[in-house]
Amino acid sequence: MNCADEKIKKEVDEILNQFTHDKENLITILNEVQMKYGYIPKIAQMEIADYLNIALAEVYGVITFYSRFTLVPKGKYNVSICLGTACFVKGSREILERAKAKLGIEEGQTTADGKFSLDTTRCVGACGLAPVFTINDEVYGKATVKKLDEVLDMYMAKD
């Protein structure tokens, strides 16, 4: 085990020690790990399975079932395009295609520099502002391809 894995193992053990060994704690534990790392590392999955005395496949199954959880690190800026009905009929597909082209990645991917990741969602609860996209927790409504370009340029200039 390398130093990074040892560090994660120690940090995950600190999270686990806040919970009983009851498998009903799985989703709460996964949420805590996801919040800490932005994804759920393999070493964390193994630690969780051992702690809750469940199969690693069960942990993996829950992670892959819920779209909130991810197995791969996200970018510093997670761009998410809403493809819910209201957004879709108002042009969110074009916004998604522009985001792919501008960032040079597909859905579910992260840029090589780790700055941006791109996802889609089915609804962010802002249908009155359709179409919408989000970057981290910031919602951008009444979106257009031009607005996406402007916002992404602003984030690209950061750092």
N, C-alpha and C. Protein backbone atom coordinates (compact mmCIF):
# COMPACT_ATOMS: atom_id res chain seq x y z
N MET A 1 0.85 -1.18 0.00
CA MET A 1 0.00 0.00 0.00
C MET A 1 0.90 1.24 0.00
N ASN A 2 0.58 2.19 -0.91
CA ASN A 2 1.40 3.39 -0.98
C ASN A 2 0.99 4.41 0.08
N CYS A 3 1.76 5.49 0.18
CA CYS A 3 1.51 6.51 1.22
C CYS A 3 0.15 7.17 1.08
N ALA A 4 -0.27 7.43 -0.16
CA ALA A 4 -1.59 8.05 -0.38
C ALA A 4 -2.70 7.14 0.11
N ASP A 5 -2.60 5.84 -0.19
CA ASP A 5 -3.60 4.88 0.27
C ASP A 5 -3.61 4.79 1.79
N GLU A 6 -2.44 4.81 2.40
CA GLU A 6 -2.35 4.77 3.87
C GLU A 6 -3.05 5.97 4.49
N LYS A 7 -2.85 7.14 3.88
CA LYS A 7 -3.47 8.37 4.38
C LYS A 7 -5.00 8.27 4.26
N ILE A 8 -5.48 7.83 3.10
CA ILE A 8 -6.93 7.68 2.90
C ILE A 8 -7.49 6.67 3.89
N LYS A 9 -6.79 5.55 4.05
CA LYS A 9 -7.25 4.50 4.98
C LYS A 9 -7.41 5.08 6.38
N LYS A 10 -6.44 5.84 6.83
CA LYS A 10 -6.49 6.44 8.16
C LYS A 10 -7.65 7.43 8.28
N GLU A 11 -7.84 8.27 7.25
CA GLU A 11 -8.92 9.25 7.29
C GLU A 11 -10.30 8.58 7.23
N VAL A 12 -10.41 7.53 6.42
CA VAL A 12 -11.69 6.81 6.33
C VAL A 12 -11.98 6.10 7.65
N ASP A 13 -10.95 5.55 8.28
CA ASP A 13 -11.14 4.91 9.59
C ASP A 13 -11.69 5.92 10.61
N GLU A 14 -11.23 7.17 10.53
CA GLU A 14 -11.73 8.21 11.44
C GLU A 14 -13.22 8.46 11.18
N ILE A 15 -13.61 8.45 9.91
CA ILE A 15 -15.03 8.61 9.56
C ILE A 15 -15.82 7.41 10.08
N LEU A 16 -15.32 6.21 9.81
CA LEU A 16 -16.03 5.00 10.20
C LEU A 16 -16.25 4.91 11.70
N ASN A 17 -15.29 5.36 12.47
CA ASN A 17 -15.39 5.27 13.93
C ASN A 17 -16.51 6.12 14.51
N GLN A 18 -17.12 6.98 13.69
CA GLN A 18 -18.25 7.78 14.13
C GLN A 18 -19.57 7.00 14.03
N PHE A 19 -19.50 5.80 13.43
CA PHE A 19 -20.71 5.02 13.16
C PHE A 19 -20.61 3.63 13.76
N THR A 20 -21.77 3.04 14.02
CA THR A 20 -21.80 1.64 14.44
C THR A 20 -21.54 0.77 13.22
N HIS A 21 -21.36 -0.50 13.43
CA HIS A 21 -21.05 -1.44 12.36
C HIS A 21 -22.31 -1.89 11.61
N ASP A 22 -23.41 -1.21 11.80
CA ASP A 22 -24.68 -1.56 11.17
C ASP A 22 -24.66 -1.17 9.70
N LYS A 23 -25.01 -2.11 8.83
CA LYS A 23 -24.94 -1.84 7.39
C LYS A 23 -25.93 -0.77 6.95
N GLU A 24 -26.90 -0.44 7.80
CA GLU A 24 -27.81 0.64 7.47
C GLU A 24 -27.11 2.00 7.44
N ASN A 25 -25.89 2.06 7.93
CA ASN A 25 -25.10 3.29 7.90
C ASN A 25 -24.36 3.48 6.58
N LEU A 26 -24.47 2.52 5.67
CA LEU A 26 -23.68 2.55 4.43
C LEU A 26 -23.83 3.85 3.65
N ILE A 27 -25.04 4.26 3.37
CA ILE A 27 -25.23 5.46 2.54
C ILE A 27 -24.70 6.70 3.25
N THR A 28 -24.93 6.80 4.55
CA THR A 28 -24.42 7.95 5.30
C THR A 28 -22.90 7.97 5.28
N ILE A 29 -22.28 6.81 5.44
CA ILE A 29 -20.81 6.72 5.40
C ILE A 29 -20.30 7.10 4.01
N LEU A 30 -20.94 6.54 2.98
CA LEU A 30 -20.53 6.88 1.61
C LEU A 30 -20.63 8.38 1.37
N ASN A 31 -21.69 8.98 1.88
CA ASN A 31 -21.87 10.42 1.73
C ASN A 31 -20.73 11.18 2.40
N GLU A 32 -20.35 10.76 3.59
CA GLU A 32 -19.24 11.42 4.30
C GLU A 32 -17.92 11.31 3.51
N VAL A 33 -17.67 10.12 2.99
CA VAL A 33 -16.43 9.91 2.22
C VAL A 33 -16.47 10.74 0.93
N GLN A 34 -17.63 10.75 0.26
CA GLN A 34 -17.78 11.53 -0.96
C GLN A 34 -17.54 13.01 -0.69
N MET A 35 -18.07 13.52 0.43
CA MET A 35 -17.88 14.93 0.75
C MET A 35 -16.40 15.23 1.03
N LYS A 36 -15.71 14.30 1.64
CA LYS A 36 -14.30 14.52 1.96
C LYS A 36 -13.40 14.51 0.73
N TYR A 37 -13.62 13.56 -0.19
CA TYR A 37 -12.71 13.38 -1.31
C TYR A 37 -13.26 13.84 -2.66
N GLY A 38 -14.58 14.04 -2.74
CA GLY A 38 -15.19 14.38 -4.02
C GLY A 38 -15.49 13.15 -4.86
N TYR A 39 -15.11 12.00 -4.36
CA TYR A 39 -15.39 10.70 -4.97
C TYR A 39 -15.13 9.65 -3.91
N ILE A 40 -15.35 8.38 -4.25
CA ILE A 40 -15.14 7.32 -3.26
C ILE A 40 -14.01 6.42 -3.75
N PRO A 41 -12.81 6.63 -3.20
CA PRO A 41 -11.65 5.85 -3.62
C PRO A 41 -11.81 4.36 -3.33
N LYS A 42 -11.15 3.54 -4.10
CA LYS A 42 -11.22 2.07 -3.95
C LYS A 42 -10.81 1.64 -2.55
N ILE A 43 -9.75 2.21 -2.02
CA ILE A 43 -9.30 1.83 -0.67
C ILE A 43 -10.39 2.14 0.36
N ALA A 44 -11.14 3.23 0.15
CA ALA A 44 -12.23 3.58 1.06
C ALA A 44 -13.35 2.55 0.96
N GLN A 45 -13.65 2.11 -0.25
CA GLN A 45 -14.69 1.09 -0.45
C GLN A 45 -14.33 -0.19 0.31
N MET A 46 -13.07 -0.57 0.24
CA MET A 46 -12.63 -1.79 0.92
C MET A 46 -12.74 -1.63 2.44
N GLU A 47 -12.34 -0.47 2.94
CA GLU A 47 -12.43 -0.21 4.38
C GLU A 47 -13.88 -0.23 4.86
N ILE A 48 -14.75 0.38 4.08
CA ILE A 48 -16.18 0.42 4.44
C ILE A 48 -16.76 -0.98 4.46
N ALA A 49 -16.45 -1.77 3.43
CA ALA A 49 -16.96 -3.15 3.37
C ALA A 49 -16.48 -3.95 4.58
N ASP A 50 -15.21 -3.82 4.92
CA ASP A 50 -14.68 -4.54 6.09
C ASP A 50 -15.38 -4.08 7.37
N TYR A 51 -15.52 -2.78 7.52
CA TYR A 51 -16.09 -2.22 8.74
C TYR A 51 -17.54 -2.66 8.94
N LEU A 52 -18.30 -2.67 7.85
CA LEU A 52 -19.72 -3.03 7.94
C LEU A 52 -19.95 -4.53 7.76
N ASN A 53 -18.86 -5.27 7.52
CA ASN A 53 -18.93 -6.71 7.32
C ASN A 53 -19.90 -7.08 6.19
N ILE A 54 -19.72 -6.38 5.06
CA ILE A 54 -20.51 -6.66 3.86
C ILE A 54 -19.54 -6.84 2.69
N ALA A 55 -20.05 -7.39 1.62
CA ALA A 55 -19.22 -7.63 0.44
C ALA A 55 -18.85 -6.31 -0.24
N LEU A 56 -17.64 -6.25 -0.76
CA LEU A 56 -17.21 -5.09 -1.52
C LEU A 56 -18.17 -4.83 -2.68
N ALA A 57 -18.70 -5.90 -3.27
CA ALA A 57 -19.65 -5.77 -4.38
C ALA A 57 -20.91 -5.02 -3.95
N GLU A 58 -21.32 -5.19 -2.70
CA GLU A 58 -22.50 -4.48 -2.21
C GLU A 58 -22.22 -2.99 -2.08
N VAL A 59 -21.05 -2.64 -1.60
CA VAL A 59 -20.65 -1.23 -1.50
C VAL A 59 -20.61 -0.63 -2.91
N TYR A 60 -19.97 -1.34 -3.82
CA TYR A 60 -19.86 -0.89 -5.21
C TYR A 60 -21.25 -0.73 -5.84
N GLY A 61 -22.13 -1.67 -5.56
CA GLY A 61 -23.49 -1.62 -6.11
C GLY A 61 -24.25 -0.38 -5.68
N VAL A 62 -24.11 -0.02 -4.42
CA VAL A 62 -24.79 1.18 -3.91
C VAL A 62 -24.17 2.43 -4.54
N ILE A 63 -22.86 2.47 -4.65
CA ILE A 63 -22.19 3.63 -5.24
C ILE A 63 -22.65 3.83 -6.69
N THR A 64 -22.70 2.74 -7.44
CA THR A 64 -23.06 2.86 -8.86
C THR A 64 -24.56 3.04 -9.08
N PHE A 65 -25.38 2.68 -8.09
CA PHE A 65 -26.82 2.85 -8.22
C PHE A 65 -27.21 4.32 -8.09
N TYR A 66 -26.62 5.01 -7.13
CA TYR A 66 -26.97 6.40 -6.87
C TYR A 66 -26.05 7.34 -7.66
N SER A 67 -26.67 8.21 -8.47
CA SER A 67 -25.88 9.11 -9.31
C SER A 67 -25.11 10.14 -8.49
N ARG A 68 -25.48 10.33 -7.25
CA ARG A 68 -24.79 11.28 -6.39
C ARG A 68 -23.34 10.85 -6.10
N PHE A 69 -23.14 9.53 -6.08
CA PHE A 69 -21.81 9.00 -5.78
C PHE A 69 -21.01 8.80 -7.06
N THR A 70 -19.70 8.91 -6.93
CA THR A 70 -18.83 8.70 -8.09
C THR A 70 -17.58 7.93 -7.67
N LEU A 71 -17.07 7.17 -8.61
CA LEU A 71 -15.87 6.37 -8.38
C LEU A 71 -14.61 7.06 -8.88
N VAL A 72 -14.78 8.16 -9.59
CA VAL A 72 -13.64 8.88 -10.16
C VAL A 72 -13.62 10.32 -9.64
N PRO A 73 -12.44 10.87 -9.46
CA PRO A 73 -12.35 12.25 -8.98
C PRO A 73 -13.01 13.22 -9.97
N LYS A 74 -13.69 14.20 -9.44
CA LYS A 74 -14.29 15.25 -10.25
C LYS A 74 -13.30 16.40 -10.34
N GLY A 75 -13.54 17.26 -11.31
CA GLY A 75 -12.70 18.44 -11.45
C GLY A 75 -12.97 19.45 -10.34
N LYS A 76 -12.11 20.40 -10.25
CA LYS A 76 -12.30 21.47 -9.28
C LYS A 76 -13.64 22.16 -9.53
N TYR A 77 -13.99 22.28 -10.81
CA TYR A 77 -15.26 22.88 -11.20
C TYR A 77 -16.09 21.81 -11.91
N ASN A 78 -17.17 21.38 -11.25
CA ASN A 78 -18.03 20.36 -11.83
C ASN A 78 -19.17 21.03 -12.59
N VAL A 79 -19.12 20.94 -13.91
CA VAL A 79 -20.13 21.52 -14.78
C VAL A 79 -21.20 20.46 -15.00
N SER A 80 -22.45 20.82 -14.74
CA SER A 80 -23.55 19.88 -14.92
C SER A 80 -24.65 20.55 -15.72
N ILE A 81 -25.02 19.92 -16.82
CA ILE A 81 -26.06 20.45 -17.70
C ILE A 81 -27.36 19.71 -17.41
N CYS A 82 -28.43 20.44 -17.17
CA CYS A 82 -29.73 19.82 -16.91
C CYS A 82 -30.34 19.36 -18.22
N LEU A 83 -30.73 18.09 -18.26
CA LEU A 83 -31.43 17.54 -19.42
C LEU A 83 -32.86 17.14 -19.06
N GLY A 84 -33.38 17.70 -17.97
CA GLY A 84 -34.78 17.46 -17.62
C GLY A 84 -35.69 18.00 -18.71
N THR A 85 -36.94 17.64 -18.68
CA THR A 85 -37.86 17.98 -19.77
C THR A 85 -37.89 19.47 -20.09
N ALA A 86 -38.09 20.31 -19.08
CA ALA A 86 -38.18 21.75 -19.33
C ALA A 86 -36.89 22.29 -19.96
N CYS A 87 -35.77 21.86 -19.44
CA CYS A 87 -34.48 22.32 -19.99
C CYS A 87 -34.23 21.76 -21.39
N PHE A 88 -34.57 20.49 -21.56
CA PHE A 88 -34.32 19.83 -22.85
C PHE A 88 -35.09 20.52 -23.97
N VAL A 89 -36.38 20.80 -23.74
CA VAL A 89 -37.18 21.42 -24.80
C VAL A 89 -36.75 22.86 -25.07
N LYS A 90 -36.02 23.45 -24.14
CA LYS A 90 -35.56 24.82 -24.34
C LYS A 90 -34.10 24.89 -24.77
N GLY A 91 -33.51 23.74 -25.16
CA GLY A 91 -32.20 23.80 -25.80
C GLY A 91 -31.00 23.35 -25.00
N SER A 92 -31.20 22.60 -23.92
CA SER A 92 -30.04 22.21 -23.12
C SER A 92 -29.11 21.24 -23.85
N ARG A 93 -29.61 20.48 -24.82
CA ARG A 93 -28.74 19.56 -25.58
C ARG A 93 -27.65 20.35 -26.31
N GLU A 94 -28.00 21.49 -26.88
CA GLU A 94 -27.00 22.34 -27.57
C GLU A 94 -25.97 22.88 -26.58
N ILE A 95 -26.43 23.21 -25.38
CA ILE A 95 -25.52 23.70 -24.35
C ILE A 95 -24.56 22.58 -23.95
N LEU A 96 -25.07 21.36 -23.81
CA LEU A 96 -24.21 20.22 -23.49
C LEU A 96 -23.17 20.00 -24.59
N GLU A 97 -23.60 20.03 -25.84
CA GLU A 97 -22.66 19.82 -26.95
C GLU A 97 -21.57 20.89 -26.96
N ARG A 98 -21.95 22.13 -26.65
CA ARG A 98 -20.97 23.21 -26.60
C ARG A 98 -19.99 22.99 -25.44
N ALA A 99 -20.50 22.56 -24.30
CA ALA A 99 -19.63 22.31 -23.14
C ALA A 99 -18.62 21.22 -23.48
N LYS A 100 -19.08 20.16 -24.14
CA LYS A 100 -18.16 19.08 -24.54
C LYS A 100 -17.06 19.61 -25.45
N ALA A 101 -17.47 20.41 -26.44
CA ALA A 101 -16.49 20.95 -27.39
C ALA A 101 -15.51 21.90 -26.71
N LYS A 102 -16.04 22.78 -25.89
CA LYS A 102 -15.18 23.79 -25.24
C LYS A 102 -14.21 23.17 -24.24
N LEU A 103 -14.70 22.17 -23.49
CA LEU A 103 -13.84 21.54 -22.49
C LEU A 103 -13.01 20.39 -23.06
N GLY A 104 -13.41 19.88 -24.22
CA GLY A 104 -12.68 18.78 -24.85
C GLY A 104 -12.85 17.45 -24.13
N ILE A 105 -14.00 17.28 -23.46
CA ILE A 105 -14.29 16.04 -22.74
C ILE A 105 -15.73 15.62 -23.01
N GLU A 106 -16.03 14.39 -22.67
CA GLU A 106 -17.38 13.86 -22.77
C GLU A 106 -18.02 13.84 -21.38
N GLU A 107 -19.31 13.55 -21.34
CA GLU A 107 -20.01 13.40 -20.06
C GLU A 107 -19.28 12.39 -19.18
N GLY A 108 -19.18 12.69 -17.91
CA GLY A 108 -18.54 11.78 -16.97
C GLY A 108 -17.03 11.87 -16.94
N GLN A 109 -16.46 12.75 -17.75
CA GLN A 109 -15.00 12.86 -17.80
C GLN A 109 -14.53 14.14 -17.10
N THR A 110 -13.23 14.16 -16.84
CA THR A 110 -12.57 15.30 -16.22
C THR A 110 -11.42 15.73 -17.12
N THR A 111 -11.21 17.03 -17.24
CA THR A 111 -10.11 17.52 -18.07
C THR A 111 -8.78 17.03 -17.51
N ALA A 112 -7.79 16.91 -18.37
CA ALA A 112 -6.49 16.37 -17.98
C ALA A 112 -5.86 17.17 -16.84
N ASP A 113 -6.13 18.47 -16.80
CA ASP A 113 -5.55 19.30 -15.73
C ASP A 113 -6.35 19.21 -14.42
N GLY A 114 -7.46 18.46 -14.44
CA GLY A 114 -8.26 18.29 -13.23
C GLY A 114 -9.11 19.49 -12.87
N LYS A 115 -9.19 20.46 -13.77
CA LYS A 115 -9.92 21.69 -13.45
C LYS A 115 -11.43 21.55 -13.66
N PHE A 116 -11.85 20.84 -14.70
CA PHE A 116 -13.27 20.73 -15.01
C PHE A 116 -13.71 19.28 -15.16
N SER A 117 -14.91 18.99 -14.71
CA SER A 117 -15.56 17.73 -15.03
C SER A 117 -16.92 18.08 -15.60
N LEU A 118 -17.49 17.15 -16.38
CA LEU A 118 -18.75 17.42 -17.06
C LEU A 118 -19.73 16.30 -16.80
N ASP A 119 -20.91 16.68 -16.33
CA ASP A 119 -21.97 15.72 -16.06
C ASP A 119 -23.29 16.27 -16.57
N THR A 120 -24.30 15.40 -16.57
CA THR A 120 -25.66 15.85 -16.85
C THR A 120 -26.51 15.47 -15.66
N THR A 121 -27.63 16.14 -15.55
CA THR A 121 -28.58 15.84 -14.49
C THR A 121 -29.97 15.88 -15.10
N ARG A 122 -30.92 15.32 -14.42
CA ARG A 122 -32.29 15.30 -14.95
C ARG A 122 -33.13 16.46 -14.45
N CYS A 123 -32.81 17.05 -13.32
CA CYS A 123 -33.55 18.22 -12.85
C CYS A 123 -32.81 18.83 -11.66
N VAL A 124 -32.72 20.15 -11.66
CA VAL A 124 -32.12 20.83 -10.52
C VAL A 124 -33.18 21.65 -9.76
N GLY A 125 -34.44 21.50 -10.18
CA GLY A 125 -35.52 22.19 -9.50
C GLY A 125 -35.64 23.65 -9.84
N ALA A 126 -35.11 24.04 -10.99
CA ALA A 126 -35.19 25.44 -11.42
C ALA A 126 -35.82 25.52 -12.81
N CYS A 127 -36.91 24.78 -12.98
CA CYS A 127 -37.55 24.67 -14.30
C CYS A 127 -38.01 26.01 -14.85
N GLY A 128 -38.36 26.93 -13.98
CA GLY A 128 -38.77 28.26 -14.42
C GLY A 128 -37.63 29.05 -15.04
N LEU A 129 -36.41 28.61 -14.81
CA LEU A 129 -35.23 29.28 -15.38
C LEU A 129 -34.64 28.50 -16.55
N ALA A 130 -35.35 27.49 -17.02
CA ALA A 130 -34.83 26.59 -18.07
C ALA A 130 -34.42 27.37 -19.33
N PRO A 131 -33.34 26.87 -19.96
CA PRO A 131 -32.47 25.78 -19.54
C PRO A 131 -31.45 26.25 -18.51
N VAL A 132 -30.98 25.32 -17.69
CA VAL A 132 -30.00 25.67 -16.66
C VAL A 132 -28.79 24.75 -16.71
N PHE A 133 -27.68 25.28 -16.22
CA PHE A 133 -26.51 24.47 -15.95
C PHE A 133 -25.96 24.94 -14.62
N THR A 134 -25.19 24.08 -13.99
CA THR A 134 -24.58 24.45 -12.72
C THR A 134 -23.07 24.27 -12.81
N ILE A 135 -22.38 25.04 -12.03
CA ILE A 135 -20.95 24.83 -11.80
C ILE A 135 -20.80 24.80 -10.29
N ASN A 136 -20.42 23.62 -9.80
CA ASN A 136 -20.43 23.34 -8.38
C ASN A 136 -21.84 23.64 -7.84
N ASP A 137 -22.01 24.57 -6.94
CA ASP A 137 -23.33 24.83 -6.37
C ASP A 137 -23.99 26.07 -6.96
N GLU A 138 -23.39 26.67 -7.97
CA GLU A 138 -23.92 27.88 -8.60
C GLU A 138 -24.81 27.50 -9.78
N VAL A 139 -26.05 28.01 -9.78
CA VAL A 139 -27.01 27.71 -10.85
C VAL A 139 -27.03 28.88 -11.83
N TYR A 140 -26.95 28.55 -13.12
CA TYR A 140 -27.01 29.55 -14.19
C TYR A 140 -28.26 29.27 -15.02
N GLY A 141 -29.26 30.15 -14.90
CA GLY A 141 -30.53 29.95 -15.57
C GLY A 141 -30.64 30.75 -16.84
N LYS A 142 -31.73 30.46 -17.60
CA LYS A 142 -31.97 31.10 -18.90
C LYS A 142 -30.70 30.99 -19.75
N ALA A 143 -30.11 29.81 -19.70
CA ALA A 143 -28.80 29.59 -20.32
C ALA A 143 -28.88 29.57 -21.85
N THR A 144 -27.80 30.00 -22.43
CA THR A 144 -27.59 29.94 -23.87
C THR A 144 -26.17 29.43 -24.07
N VAL A 145 -25.84 29.08 -25.30
CA VAL A 145 -24.47 28.67 -25.61
C VAL A 145 -23.52 29.84 -25.31
N LYS A 146 -23.95 31.05 -25.64
CA LYS A 146 -23.12 32.23 -25.39
C LYS A 146 -22.87 32.42 -23.89
N LYS A 147 -23.93 32.25 -23.09
CA LYS A 147 -23.78 32.39 -21.63
C LYS A 147 -22.84 31.32 -21.08
N LEU A 148 -22.97 30.08 -21.57
CA LEU A 148 -22.06 29.02 -21.15
C LEU A 148 -20.62 29.40 -21.45
N ASP A 149 -20.37 29.89 -22.67
CA ASP A 149 -19.02 30.30 -23.05
C ASP A 149 -18.48 31.37 -22.11
N GLU A 150 -19.31 32.36 -21.81
CA GLU A 150 -18.88 33.46 -20.94
C GLU A 150 -18.54 32.95 -19.54
N VAL A 151 -19.40 32.09 -19.00
CA VAL A 151 -19.18 31.58 -17.64
C VAL A 151 -17.96 30.67 -17.61
N LEU A 152 -17.82 29.77 -18.59
CA LEU A 152 -16.65 28.90 -18.62
C LEU A 152 -15.36 29.71 -18.78
N ASP A 153 -15.39 30.75 -19.61
CA ASP A 153 -14.20 31.60 -19.76
C ASP A 153 -13.81 32.23 -18.43
N MET A 154 -14.82 32.62 -17.64
CA MET A 154 -14.54 33.21 -16.34
C MET A 154 -13.85 32.18 -15.42
N TYR A 155 -14.35 30.94 -15.42
CA TYR A 155 -13.74 29.90 -14.59
C TYR A 155 -12.37 29.50 -15.12
N MET A 156 -12.20 29.51 -16.43
CA MET A 156 -10.91 29.15 -17.01
C MET A 156 -9.84 30.18 -16.64
N ALA A 157 -10.25 31.43 -16.43
CA ALA A 157 -9.31 32.49 -16.09
C ALA A 157 -8.91 32.44 -14.63
N LYS A 158 -9.68 31.73 -13.80
CA LYS A 158 -9.36 31.62 -12.37
C LYS A 158 -8.10 30.78 -12.17
N ASP A 159 -7.49 31.00 -11.05
CA ASP A 159 -6.30 30.23 -10.61
C ASP A 159 -5.11 30.71 -11.35
